Amino acid sequence: MSESQSQSQWERAGGEAAVKAVLDRFYEGVLGEPQLAGFFENVAVDDIKPHLAEVLEVVLGGPGARTDIDLAGYLTEAHSGLGVSESDYALTGQVLMDTLEEFDVPADIQETIAGALATVQPFVVAA
């Protein structure tokens, strides 16, 4: 088995340091989008980053990934009352995917994240 086959996607993506860099750039992109910036007017983005990093660690199989996390409940609670529309969600997802591309994240890892975005959309978008 090659090294890339034995490493988790989290490790292949560069682990914690790489995810931190991606999230820093991602939130710059989100805050630069007038449609999305309003969601963060009264929020310290640096307080949110560890939560998204934790979700990505679960999705990508990081070594410290929680196995007891209920992503549906976690994401529903975090986004409750925000009024996130399908358009807001799609734009946020596009910013994330563009950021992954900018950082040359391998295609299979991008596909995993895109799949996760599709799966969790109902727990983020306002009903």
N, C-alpha and C. Protein backbone atom coordinates (compact mmCIF):
# COMPACT_ATOMS: atom_id res chain seq x y z
N MET A 1 0.86 -1.17 0.00
CA MET A 1 0.00 0.00 0.00
C MET A 1 0.90 1.24 0.00
N SER A 2 0.61 2.17 -0.88
CA SER A 2 1.42 3.39 -0.94
C SER A 2 1.10 4.29 0.24
N GLU A 3 1.99 5.26 0.48
CA GLU A 3 1.79 6.18 1.60
C GLU A 3 0.48 6.94 1.45
N SER A 4 0.15 7.37 0.20
CA SER A 4 -1.08 8.14 0.01
C SER A 4 -2.32 7.29 0.27
N GLN A 5 -2.21 5.97 0.07
CA GLN A 5 -3.34 5.10 0.35
C GLN A 5 -3.52 4.87 1.84
N SER A 6 -2.43 4.94 2.61
CA SER A 6 -2.53 4.67 4.03
C SER A 6 -2.85 5.93 4.84
N GLN A 7 -2.65 7.11 4.25
CA GLN A 7 -2.94 8.35 4.95
C GLN A 7 -4.42 8.70 4.80
N SER A 8 -4.97 9.32 5.83
CA SER A 8 -6.34 9.80 5.73
C SER A 8 -6.37 11.02 4.80
N GLN A 9 -7.54 11.36 4.35
CA GLN A 9 -7.67 12.56 3.53
C GLN A 9 -7.22 13.79 4.33
N TRP A 10 -7.49 13.80 5.61
CA TRP A 10 -7.06 14.90 6.48
C TRP A 10 -5.54 15.08 6.40
N GLU A 11 -4.83 13.97 6.53
CA GLU A 11 -3.37 14.01 6.48
C GLU A 11 -2.88 14.41 5.08
N ARG A 12 -3.50 13.86 4.06
CA ARG A 12 -3.10 14.18 2.68
C ARG A 12 -3.37 15.63 2.34
N ALA A 13 -4.39 16.23 2.98
CA ALA A 13 -4.69 17.64 2.75
C ALA A 13 -3.71 18.55 3.47
N GLY A 14 -2.91 18.00 4.36
CA GLY A 14 -1.92 18.79 5.08
C GLY A 14 -2.19 18.93 6.55
N GLY A 15 -3.27 18.30 7.04
CA GLY A 15 -3.57 18.32 8.46
C GLY A 15 -4.00 19.67 8.98
N GLU A 16 -3.82 19.84 10.27
CA GLU A 16 -4.34 21.00 10.98
C GLU A 16 -3.81 22.32 10.41
N ALA A 17 -2.52 22.40 10.12
CA ALA A 17 -1.94 23.66 9.63
C ALA A 17 -2.53 24.05 8.28
N ALA A 18 -2.69 23.07 7.39
CA ALA A 18 -3.25 23.36 6.07
C ALA A 18 -4.72 23.75 6.18
N VAL A 19 -5.46 23.05 7.01
CA VAL A 19 -6.88 23.37 7.18
C VAL A 19 -7.04 24.77 7.76
N LYS A 20 -6.18 25.14 8.70
CA LYS A 20 -6.23 26.49 9.26
C LYS A 20 -6.00 27.53 8.15
N ALA A 21 -5.02 27.31 7.31
CA ALA A 21 -4.73 28.25 6.21
C ALA A 21 -5.91 28.34 5.25
N VAL A 22 -6.50 27.20 4.91
CA VAL A 22 -7.66 27.18 4.02
C VAL A 22 -8.82 27.95 4.65
N LEU A 23 -9.07 27.72 5.93
CA LEU A 23 -10.19 28.39 6.60
C LEU A 23 -9.95 29.89 6.72
N ASP A 24 -8.71 30.29 6.96
CA ASP A 24 -8.41 31.73 7.00
C ASP A 24 -8.79 32.36 5.66
N ARG A 25 -8.37 31.74 4.58
CA ARG A 25 -8.67 32.27 3.23
C ARG A 25 -10.16 32.16 2.92
N PHE A 26 -10.79 31.06 3.30
CA PHE A 26 -12.21 30.86 3.07
C PHE A 26 -13.03 31.97 3.72
N TYR A 27 -12.73 32.28 4.98
CA TYR A 27 -13.51 33.32 5.65
C TYR A 27 -13.22 34.70 5.09
N GLU A 28 -12.02 34.94 4.57
CA GLU A 28 -11.77 36.19 3.85
C GLU A 28 -12.71 36.27 2.65
N GLY A 29 -12.84 35.17 1.94
CA GLY A 29 -13.72 35.12 0.77
C GLY A 29 -15.18 35.32 1.14
N VAL A 30 -15.62 34.67 2.19
CA VAL A 30 -17.01 34.79 2.64
C VAL A 30 -17.30 36.23 3.06
N LEU A 31 -16.40 36.82 3.83
CA LEU A 31 -16.61 38.20 4.29
C LEU A 31 -16.54 39.19 3.15
N GLY A 32 -15.92 38.81 2.05
CA GLY A 32 -15.86 39.67 0.87
C GLY A 32 -17.09 39.57 -0.02
N GLU A 33 -18.00 38.69 0.32
CA GLU A 33 -19.24 38.52 -0.46
C GLU A 33 -20.36 39.30 0.23
N PRO A 34 -20.86 40.37 -0.40
CA PRO A 34 -21.92 41.16 0.23
C PRO A 34 -23.13 40.31 0.65
N GLN A 35 -23.45 39.29 -0.11
CA GLN A 35 -24.59 38.43 0.22
C GLN A 35 -24.37 37.67 1.53
N LEU A 36 -23.12 37.42 1.87
CA LEU A 36 -22.81 36.58 3.03
C LEU A 36 -22.29 37.36 4.23
N ALA A 37 -21.68 38.48 4.00
CA ALA A 37 -21.00 39.23 5.07
C ALA A 37 -21.92 39.55 6.24
N GLY A 38 -23.18 39.83 5.97
CA GLY A 38 -24.14 40.18 7.02
C GLY A 38 -24.33 39.11 8.07
N PHE A 39 -24.10 37.85 7.71
CA PHE A 39 -24.23 36.77 8.68
C PHE A 39 -23.17 36.86 9.78
N PHE A 40 -22.12 37.64 9.53
CA PHE A 40 -20.99 37.69 10.44
C PHE A 40 -20.80 39.04 11.10
N GLU A 41 -21.81 39.92 11.00
CA GLU A 41 -21.68 41.27 11.55
C GLU A 41 -21.43 41.28 13.05
N ASN A 42 -22.08 40.41 13.77
CA ASN A 42 -21.95 40.39 15.23
C ASN A 42 -21.29 39.11 15.72
N VAL A 43 -20.40 38.58 14.90
CA VAL A 43 -19.77 37.30 15.20
C VAL A 43 -18.25 37.45 15.06
N ALA A 44 -17.52 36.90 15.99
CA ALA A 44 -16.06 36.85 15.87
C ALA A 44 -15.71 35.62 15.03
N VAL A 45 -15.29 35.85 13.79
CA VAL A 45 -15.00 34.76 12.87
C VAL A 45 -13.96 33.80 13.46
N ASP A 46 -13.00 34.33 14.19
CA ASP A 46 -11.98 33.46 14.79
C ASP A 46 -12.59 32.47 15.78
N ASP A 47 -13.77 32.80 16.32
CA ASP A 47 -14.46 31.87 17.22
C ASP A 47 -15.17 30.76 16.45
N ILE A 48 -15.47 31.01 15.17
CA ILE A 48 -16.19 30.04 14.35
C ILE A 48 -15.23 29.05 13.69
N LYS A 49 -14.06 29.51 13.32
CA LYS A 49 -13.12 28.67 12.58
C LYS A 49 -12.85 27.31 13.23
N PRO A 50 -12.66 27.24 14.55
CA PRO A 50 -12.41 25.91 15.13
C PRO A 50 -13.57 24.94 14.95
N HIS A 51 -14.78 25.47 14.88
CA HIS A 51 -15.95 24.60 14.70
C HIS A 51 -15.96 24.00 13.29
N LEU A 52 -15.68 24.83 12.29
CA LEU A 52 -15.64 24.31 10.92
C LEU A 52 -14.43 23.38 10.77
N ALA A 53 -13.32 23.70 11.41
CA ALA A 53 -12.16 22.80 11.37
C ALA A 53 -12.52 21.44 11.95
N GLU A 54 -13.30 21.44 13.03
CA GLU A 54 -13.72 20.19 13.65
C GLU A 54 -14.60 19.37 12.70
N VAL A 55 -15.51 20.05 12.02
CA VAL A 55 -16.37 19.36 11.05
C VAL A 55 -15.52 18.76 9.93
N LEU A 56 -14.57 19.55 9.42
CA LEU A 56 -13.71 19.05 8.36
C LEU A 56 -12.85 17.88 8.83
N GLU A 57 -12.44 17.91 10.07
CA GLU A 57 -11.65 16.79 10.60
C GLU A 57 -12.50 15.52 10.63
N VAL A 58 -13.75 15.64 10.98
CA VAL A 58 -14.65 14.49 10.96
C VAL A 58 -14.83 13.99 9.53
N VAL A 59 -15.12 14.91 8.62
CA VAL A 59 -15.38 14.56 7.22
C VAL A 59 -14.16 13.91 6.56
N LEU A 60 -12.97 14.41 6.90
CA LEU A 60 -11.75 13.94 6.23
C LEU A 60 -10.98 12.87 7.02
N GLY A 61 -11.53 12.45 8.16
CA GLY A 61 -10.92 11.37 8.91
C GLY A 61 -9.64 11.73 9.63
N GLY A 62 -9.62 12.90 10.22
CA GLY A 62 -8.44 13.32 10.98
C GLY A 62 -8.24 12.48 12.22
N PRO A 63 -7.01 12.46 12.73
CA PRO A 63 -6.69 11.60 13.86
C PRO A 63 -7.41 11.99 15.16
N GLY A 64 -7.79 13.26 15.29
CA GLY A 64 -8.50 13.68 16.49
C GLY A 64 -9.99 13.82 16.26
N ALA A 65 -10.49 13.30 15.14
CA ALA A 65 -11.90 13.46 14.81
C ALA A 65 -12.80 12.82 15.85
N ARG A 66 -13.79 13.58 16.27
CA ARG A 66 -14.76 13.04 17.23
C ARG A 66 -15.61 11.98 16.54
N THR A 67 -15.87 10.94 17.26
CA THR A 67 -16.74 9.89 16.73
C THR A 67 -18.13 9.99 17.33
N ASP A 68 -18.28 10.87 18.32
CA ASP A 68 -19.56 11.00 19.01
C ASP A 68 -20.37 12.20 18.53
N ILE A 69 -19.89 12.88 17.50
CA ILE A 69 -20.56 14.10 17.06
C ILE A 69 -21.76 13.78 16.17
N ASP A 70 -22.85 14.44 16.46
CA ASP A 70 -24.06 14.36 15.64
C ASP A 70 -24.03 15.59 14.74
N LEU A 71 -23.48 15.43 13.54
CA LEU A 71 -23.32 16.59 12.65
C LEU A 71 -24.65 17.27 12.35
N ALA A 72 -25.69 16.50 12.18
CA ALA A 72 -27.00 17.09 11.88
C ALA A 72 -27.42 18.04 13.01
N GLY A 73 -27.38 17.56 14.23
CA GLY A 73 -27.76 18.38 15.37
C GLY A 73 -26.82 19.55 15.58
N TYR A 74 -25.55 19.30 15.42
CA TYR A 74 -24.50 20.31 15.59
C TYR A 74 -24.72 21.46 14.62
N LEU A 75 -24.93 21.12 13.35
CA LEU A 75 -25.10 22.15 12.33
C LEU A 75 -26.45 22.85 12.42
N THR A 76 -27.49 22.11 12.77
CA THR A 76 -28.81 22.72 12.94
C THR A 76 -28.77 23.75 14.06
N GLU A 77 -28.17 23.38 15.18
CA GLU A 77 -28.09 24.31 16.30
C GLU A 77 -27.26 25.54 15.96
N ALA A 78 -26.14 25.33 15.28
CA ALA A 78 -25.24 26.44 14.95
C ALA A 78 -25.87 27.44 13.98
N HIS A 79 -26.77 26.97 13.13
CA HIS A 79 -27.35 27.84 12.10
C HIS A 79 -28.81 28.20 12.35
N SER A 80 -29.36 27.73 13.45
CA SER A 80 -30.75 28.00 13.79
C SER A 80 -31.02 29.51 13.89
N GLY A 81 -32.06 29.94 13.23
CA GLY A 81 -32.47 31.34 13.31
C GLY A 81 -31.68 32.30 12.42
N LEU A 82 -30.71 31.79 11.68
CA LEU A 82 -29.91 32.68 10.83
C LEU A 82 -30.59 32.99 9.50
N GLY A 83 -31.51 32.15 9.09
CA GLY A 83 -32.21 32.39 7.83
C GLY A 83 -31.34 32.17 6.61
N VAL A 84 -30.47 31.17 6.67
CA VAL A 84 -29.60 30.86 5.53
C VAL A 84 -30.46 30.31 4.38
N SER A 85 -30.40 30.98 3.24
CA SER A 85 -31.17 30.53 2.07
C SER A 85 -30.36 29.54 1.25
N GLU A 86 -31.01 28.88 0.31
CA GLU A 86 -30.30 27.97 -0.59
C GLU A 86 -29.24 28.72 -1.37
N SER A 87 -29.55 29.95 -1.77
CA SER A 87 -28.59 30.78 -2.50
C SER A 87 -27.38 31.12 -1.63
N ASP A 88 -27.63 31.46 -0.36
CA ASP A 88 -26.53 31.74 0.57
C ASP A 88 -25.64 30.51 0.73
N TYR A 89 -26.27 29.37 0.88
CA TYR A 89 -25.54 28.13 1.08
C TYR A 89 -24.71 27.79 -0.16
N ALA A 90 -25.33 27.93 -1.32
CA ALA A 90 -24.62 27.63 -2.57
C ALA A 90 -23.41 28.54 -2.74
N LEU A 91 -23.57 29.82 -2.44
CA LEU A 91 -22.46 30.76 -2.57
C LEU A 91 -21.35 30.43 -1.57
N THR A 92 -21.72 30.10 -0.35
CA THR A 92 -20.73 29.71 0.66
C THR A 92 -19.97 28.47 0.20
N GLY A 93 -20.70 27.50 -0.31
CA GLY A 93 -20.07 26.29 -0.83
C GLY A 93 -19.13 26.59 -1.99
N GLN A 94 -19.53 27.52 -2.84
CA GLN A 94 -18.67 27.88 -3.97
C GLN A 94 -17.39 28.55 -3.49
N VAL A 95 -17.51 29.42 -2.50
CA VAL A 95 -16.32 30.07 -1.93
C VAL A 95 -15.39 29.00 -1.35
N LEU A 96 -15.95 28.02 -0.66
CA LEU A 96 -15.13 26.95 -0.09
C LEU A 96 -14.45 26.14 -1.19
N MET A 97 -15.20 25.76 -2.19
CA MET A 97 -14.62 24.95 -3.27
C MET A 97 -13.56 25.74 -4.03
N ASP A 98 -13.79 27.02 -4.26
CA ASP A 98 -12.79 27.87 -4.91
C ASP A 98 -11.52 27.96 -4.07
N THR A 99 -11.71 28.04 -2.75
CA THR A 99 -10.56 28.10 -1.85
C THR A 99 -9.77 26.79 -1.89
N LEU A 100 -10.47 25.67 -1.90
CA LEU A 100 -9.79 24.38 -1.99
C LEU A 100 -8.98 24.28 -3.28
N GLU A 101 -9.56 24.77 -4.35
CA GLU A 101 -8.88 24.78 -5.64
C GLU A 101 -7.64 25.68 -5.59
N GLU A 102 -7.80 26.83 -4.98
CA GLU A 102 -6.69 27.78 -4.84
C GLU A 102 -5.52 27.14 -4.10
N PHE A 103 -5.81 26.29 -3.12
CA PHE A 103 -4.78 25.63 -2.34
C PHE A 103 -4.34 24.28 -2.95
N ASP A 104 -4.81 23.99 -4.15
CA ASP A 104 -4.44 22.75 -4.84
C ASP A 104 -4.75 21.51 -4.03
N VAL A 105 -5.89 21.52 -3.35
CA VAL A 105 -6.34 20.34 -2.60
C VAL A 105 -6.67 19.25 -3.62
N PRO A 106 -6.20 18.03 -3.41
CA PRO A 106 -6.46 16.94 -4.37
C PRO A 106 -7.95 16.79 -4.68
N ALA A 107 -8.22 16.40 -5.93
CA ALA A 107 -9.59 16.30 -6.43
C ALA A 107 -10.46 15.38 -5.59
N ASP A 108 -9.92 14.24 -5.14
CA ASP A 108 -10.75 13.32 -4.37
C ASP A 108 -11.17 13.93 -3.03
N ILE A 109 -10.31 14.75 -2.46
CA ILE A 109 -10.66 15.41 -1.20
C ILE A 109 -11.70 16.49 -1.45
N GLN A 110 -11.55 17.20 -2.56
CA GLN A 110 -12.58 18.19 -2.93
C GLN A 110 -13.92 17.50 -3.13
N GLU A 111 -13.91 16.33 -3.75
CA GLU A 111 -15.15 15.58 -3.97
C GLU A 111 -15.78 15.15 -2.64
N THR A 112 -14.96 14.73 -1.70
CA THR A 112 -15.46 14.35 -0.38
C THR A 112 -16.14 15.54 0.29
N ILE A 113 -15.50 16.70 0.22
CA ILE A 113 -16.06 17.90 0.84
C ILE A 113 -17.32 18.34 0.11
N ALA A 114 -17.33 18.27 -1.21
CA ALA A 114 -18.54 18.61 -1.97
C ALA A 114 -19.69 17.68 -1.59
N GLY A 115 -19.41 16.41 -1.43
CA GLY A 115 -20.43 15.45 -1.01
C GLY A 115 -20.96 15.76 0.38
N ALA A 116 -20.06 16.15 1.28
CA ALA A 116 -20.47 16.52 2.63
C ALA A 116 -21.34 17.77 2.60
N LEU A 117 -20.97 18.73 1.76
CA LEU A 117 -21.79 19.95 1.65
C LEU A 117 -23.21 19.61 1.21
N ALA A 118 -23.34 18.72 0.26
CA ALA A 118 -24.67 18.31 -0.21
C ALA A 118 -25.45 17.60 0.89
N THR A 119 -24.76 16.77 1.64
CA THR A 119 -25.40 15.99 2.70
C THR A 119 -25.91 16.85 3.83
N VAL A 120 -25.14 17.87 4.22
CA VAL A 120 -25.51 18.66 5.39
C VAL A 120 -26.36 19.89 5.06
N GLN A 121 -26.58 20.15 3.79
CA GLN A 121 -27.36 21.34 3.42
C GLN A 121 -28.69 21.46 4.16
N PRO A 122 -29.46 20.38 4.30
CA PRO A 122 -30.75 20.51 4.99
C PRO A 122 -30.62 20.95 6.44
N PHE A 123 -29.46 20.80 7.05
CA PHE A 123 -29.29 21.16 8.44
C PHE A 123 -28.80 22.59 8.61
N VAL A 124 -28.47 23.24 7.50
CA VAL A 124 -27.97 24.61 7.53
C VAL A 124 -28.99 25.58 6.94
N VAL A 125 -29.59 25.20 5.84
CA VAL A 125 -30.55 26.07 5.16
C VAL A 125 -31.85 26.13 5.96
N ALA A 126 -32.35 27.34 6.13
CA ALA A 126 -33.59 27.55 6.88
C ALA A 126 -34.74 26.81 6.20
N ALA A 127 -35.52 26.14 7.01
CA ALA A 127 -36.66 25.38 6.47
C ALA A 127 -37.79 26.32 6.07
